[in-house]
Amino acid sequence: MARKKKTLPLRDVDAVLKAMLVLSRTVDHVLENCAVEAAVNEKFSSSKVQILRLLGQRGSQTATQVARFLGVSKPAVSQIINTMVRARLVVRRPAKEDRREVGLELTKKGRDAYQAIRQRQRHFVRGTLRQLTERGAEQWAGIFREMSGALAKADTSYKHHCLQCGAHADGSCVLTGGDAHCTFLKNVPTGARS
């Protein structure tokens, strides 16, 4: 006999929704905007930060892989990459797997920017964790993973696309157990993880 699922009151659902949206915007502002600007003394678009992170954690990637990761067209990625090449953050090299493709790699300036951003983000998170004394870092990470996984499963299309979780340095994915196939978890160079 199947158990009936308890209906949650709308005020509870709305309270969690509001808290999650505020958290999302706060994370974006503090970790993606403030941390980046403080680390590199200039504003980077979210796409540039994601490309730095992807190349910093995964090593060389093709423009096709980057486009797939960002969920944009290859021409759109080419424009972003062109600006990153001009800024000497990224260099193009022949791809190892397919000579028709071009591999994108971080330059020393790009690696330095990636590391500086990562250090600043760690600084903000470390300070935040110190203020949250009731739970440890492992518990918070578990709560966020559980919430991300449950939210992804609420979207029935989650099984068919990547939520960009494959770019985590530790190879973890909120879609574990789903039918999603992340191209970034395949052939990960061991030296590319930070």
Protein backbone atom coordinates (compact mmCIF):
# COMPACT_ATOMS: atom_id res chain seq x y z
CA MET A 1 0.00 0.00 0.00
CA ALA A 2 1.52 3.28 -1.11
CA ARG A 3 1.88 6.03 1.45
CA LYS A 4 0.37 9.39 0.70
CA LYS A 5 2.91 12.18 0.41
CA LYS A 6 2.34 14.98 2.86
CA THR A 7 1.39 18.24 1.20
CA LEU A 8 3.61 21.07 2.30
CA PRO A 9 1.98 24.41 3.11
CA LEU A 10 2.62 27.11 0.51
CA ARG A 11 4.15 29.43 3.11
CA ASP A 12 6.83 26.78 3.83
CA VAL A 13 7.51 26.24 0.14
CA ASP A 14 7.69 30.00 -0.46
CA ALA A 15 10.03 30.50 2.51
CA VAL A 16 12.46 27.88 1.16
CA LEU A 17 12.15 29.26 -2.37
CA LYS A 18 12.94 32.78 -1.18
CA ALA A 19 15.88 31.58 0.92
CA MET A 20 17.30 29.60 -2.03
CA LEU A 21 16.94 32.54 -4.44
CA VAL A 22 18.61 34.88 -1.96
CA LEU A 23 21.41 32.35 -1.42
CA SER A 24 21.84 31.94 -5.18
CA ARG A 25 22.07 35.69 -5.76
CA THR A 26 24.38 36.15 -2.78
CA VAL A 27 26.71 33.38 -3.97
CA ASP A 28 26.74 34.90 -7.45
CA HIS A 29 27.48 38.39 -6.12
CA VAL A 30 30.09 37.48 -3.51
CA LEU A 31 31.85 34.50 -5.11
CA GLU A 32 31.50 35.34 -8.78
CA ASN A 33 31.60 39.14 -8.78
CA CYS A 34 33.33 40.46 -5.64
CA ALA A 35 35.86 37.63 -5.35
CA VAL A 36 36.79 37.84 -9.03
CA GLU A 37 37.16 41.62 -9.02
CA ALA A 38 39.21 41.54 -5.82
CA ALA A 39 41.45 38.77 -7.17
CA VAL A 40 42.20 40.18 -10.63
CA ASN A 41 41.35 43.89 -10.22
CA GLU A 42 38.94 43.85 -13.13
CA LYS A 43 35.47 42.60 -13.98
CA PHE A 44 35.21 39.28 -15.77
CA SER A 45 31.99 38.00 -17.26
CA SER A 46 30.52 34.89 -15.70
CA SER A 47 31.39 33.00 -18.89
CA LYS A 48 35.07 33.96 -18.65
CA VAL A 49 35.19 32.86 -15.01
CA GLN A 50 33.56 29.54 -15.91
CA ILE A 51 36.06 29.00 -18.75
CA LEU A 52 38.98 29.80 -16.43
CA ARG A 53 37.59 27.32 -13.90
CA LEU A 54 36.98 24.63 -16.52
CA LEU A 55 40.45 24.92 -18.05
CA GLY A 56 42.07 25.28 -14.63
CA GLN A 57 40.43 22.13 -13.32
CA ARG A 58 40.24 19.99 -16.45
CA GLY A 59 43.17 21.14 -18.54
CA SER A 60 42.98 21.55 -22.31
CA GLN A 61 39.48 21.60 -23.79
CA THR A 62 38.22 22.19 -27.32
CA ALA A 63 35.91 25.06 -28.23
CA THR A 64 33.18 22.46 -28.80
CA GLN A 65 33.60 21.13 -25.25
CA VAL A 66 33.58 24.65 -23.81
CA ALA A 67 30.45 25.55 -25.80
CA ARG A 68 28.70 22.40 -24.58
CA PHE A 69 29.75 23.15 -21.00
CA LEU A 70 28.46 26.74 -21.13
CA GLY A 71 25.33 25.73 -23.04
CA VAL A 72 25.98 28.22 -25.84
CA SER A 73 26.86 28.03 -29.52
CA LYS A 74 30.39 27.49 -30.74
CA PRO A 75 30.47 30.96 -32.42
CA ALA A 76 29.50 32.57 -29.10
CA VAL A 77 32.35 30.72 -27.36
CA SER A 78 34.74 31.77 -30.11
CA GLN A 79 34.00 35.43 -29.37
CA ILE A 80 34.65 34.94 -25.65
CA ILE A 81 37.81 32.94 -26.33
CA ASN A 82 39.08 35.61 -28.73
CA THR A 83 38.88 38.20 -25.95
CA MET A 84 40.61 35.82 -23.54
CA VAL A 85 43.40 35.18 -26.08
CA ARG A 86 43.86 38.94 -26.60
CA ALA A 87 44.03 39.35 -22.80
CA ARG A 88 46.69 36.57 -22.75
CA LEU A 89 44.60 34.37 -20.44
CA VAL A 90 44.16 31.52 -22.93
CA VAL A 91 46.25 30.10 -25.76
CA ARG A 92 45.12 27.97 -28.69
CA ARG A 93 47.03 24.77 -29.55
CA PRO A 94 46.24 21.87 -31.88
CA ALA A 95 44.00 19.43 -30.01
CA LYS A 96 45.65 16.13 -29.11
CA GLU A 97 42.62 13.97 -29.88
CA ASP A 98 41.42 15.63 -33.09
CA ARG A 99 43.75 17.75 -35.26
CA ARG A 100 40.70 19.46 -36.78
CA GLU A 101 39.91 20.98 -33.38
CA VAL A 102 41.88 23.55 -31.44
CA GLY A 103 42.70 22.92 -27.80
CA LEU A 104 42.33 25.80 -25.37
CA GLU A 105 44.76 26.06 -22.48
CA LEU A 106 45.43 28.60 -19.77
CA THR A 107 48.54 30.73 -20.08
CA LYS A 108 50.61 31.54 -17.00
CA LYS A 109 48.55 34.73 -16.63
CA GLY A 110 45.37 32.64 -16.95
CA ARG A 111 46.55 30.10 -14.36
CA ASP A 112 47.53 32.92 -12.01
CA ALA A 113 44.10 34.54 -12.44
CA TYR A 114 42.35 31.20 -11.87
CA GLN A 115 44.40 30.55 -8.71
CA ALA A 116 43.87 34.11 -7.40
CA ILE A 117 40.10 33.84 -7.93
CA ARG A 118 40.01 30.43 -6.27
CA GLN A 119 42.02 31.71 -3.29
CA ARG A 120 39.69 34.71 -2.85
CA GLN A 121 36.62 32.47 -3.08
CA ARG A 122 38.13 30.12 -0.48
CA HIS A 123 38.79 33.13 1.75
CA PHE A 124 35.12 34.18 1.60
CA VAL A 125 33.87 30.63 2.20
CA ARG A 126 36.32 30.07 5.08
CA GLY A 127 35.08 33.28 6.74
CA THR A 128 31.49 32.19 6.23
CA LEU A 129 32.09 28.75 7.74
CA ARG A 130 33.68 30.31 10.80
CA GLN A 131 30.44 32.19 11.43
CA LEU A 132 28.35 29.02 11.09
CA THR A 133 29.53 27.16 14.17
CA GLU A 134 26.66 24.70 14.57
CA ARG A 135 27.60 22.60 11.55
CA GLY A 136 30.96 21.70 10.09
CA ALA A 137 32.05 22.16 6.48
CA GLU A 138 31.27 18.51 5.67
CA GLN A 139 27.68 18.93 6.88
CA TRP A 140 27.14 22.14 4.90
CA ALA A 141 28.60 20.56 1.76
CA GLY A 142 26.31 17.56 2.25
CA ILE A 143 23.24 19.78 2.72
CA PHE A 144 24.03 21.77 -0.44
CA ARG A 145 24.67 18.58 -2.46
CA GLU A 146 21.43 17.05 -1.19
CA MET A 147 19.44 20.17 -2.04
CA SER A 148 21.06 20.48 -5.48
CA GLY A 149 20.37 16.83 -6.25
CA ALA A 150 16.75 17.01 -5.08
CA LEU A 151 16.15 20.22 -7.04
CA ALA A 152 17.73 18.71 -10.17
CA LYS A 153 15.51 15.64 -9.83
CA ALA A 154 12.44 17.85 -9.55
CA ASP A 155 13.15 18.89 -13.14
CA THR A 156 12.27 15.85 -15.24
CA SER A 157 14.71 16.92 -17.96
CA TYR A 158 17.71 16.65 -15.59
CA LYS A 159 18.43 13.15 -16.82
CA HIS A 160 19.17 14.46 -20.29
CA HIS A 161 21.50 17.37 -19.71
CA CYS A 162 24.43 18.45 -17.58
CA LEU A 163 24.03 21.09 -14.89
CA GLN A 164 27.72 21.94 -15.21
CA CYS A 165 28.51 20.03 -12.05
CA GLY A 166 31.13 18.00 -13.90
CA ALA A 167 33.56 20.89 -13.63
CA HIS A 168 34.02 20.30 -9.92
CA ALA A 169 37.67 19.59 -9.23
CA ASP A 170 36.83 16.40 -7.37
CA GLY A 171 34.74 15.02 -10.24
CA SER A 172 31.55 14.96 -8.15
CA CYS A 173 28.18 15.44 -9.76
CA VAL A 174 24.74 16.22 -8.34
CA LEU A 175 23.29 13.95 -11.00
CA THR A 176 24.95 10.82 -9.64
CA GLY A 177 22.56 7.99 -10.24
CA GLY A 178 20.82 9.79 -13.12
CA ASP A 179 21.20 8.99 -16.79
CA ALA A 180 23.20 12.12 -17.55
CA HIS A 181 26.54 11.62 -19.25
CA CYS A 182 28.97 14.42 -18.56
CA THR A 183 31.66 14.77 -21.21
CA PHE A 184 33.91 16.47 -18.67
CA LEU A 185 34.15 13.40 -16.45
CA LYS A 186 35.65 11.40 -19.32
CA ASN A 187 39.40 11.40 -19.96
CA VAL A 188 40.21 13.79 -17.14
CA PRO A 189 43.94 14.43 -17.03
CA THR A 190 45.10 13.62 -13.51
CA GLY A 191 47.36 16.67 -13.39
CA ALA A 192 44.48 19.00 -14.24
CA ARG A 193 42.78 18.68 -10.85
CA SER A 194 43.53 21.34 -8.28
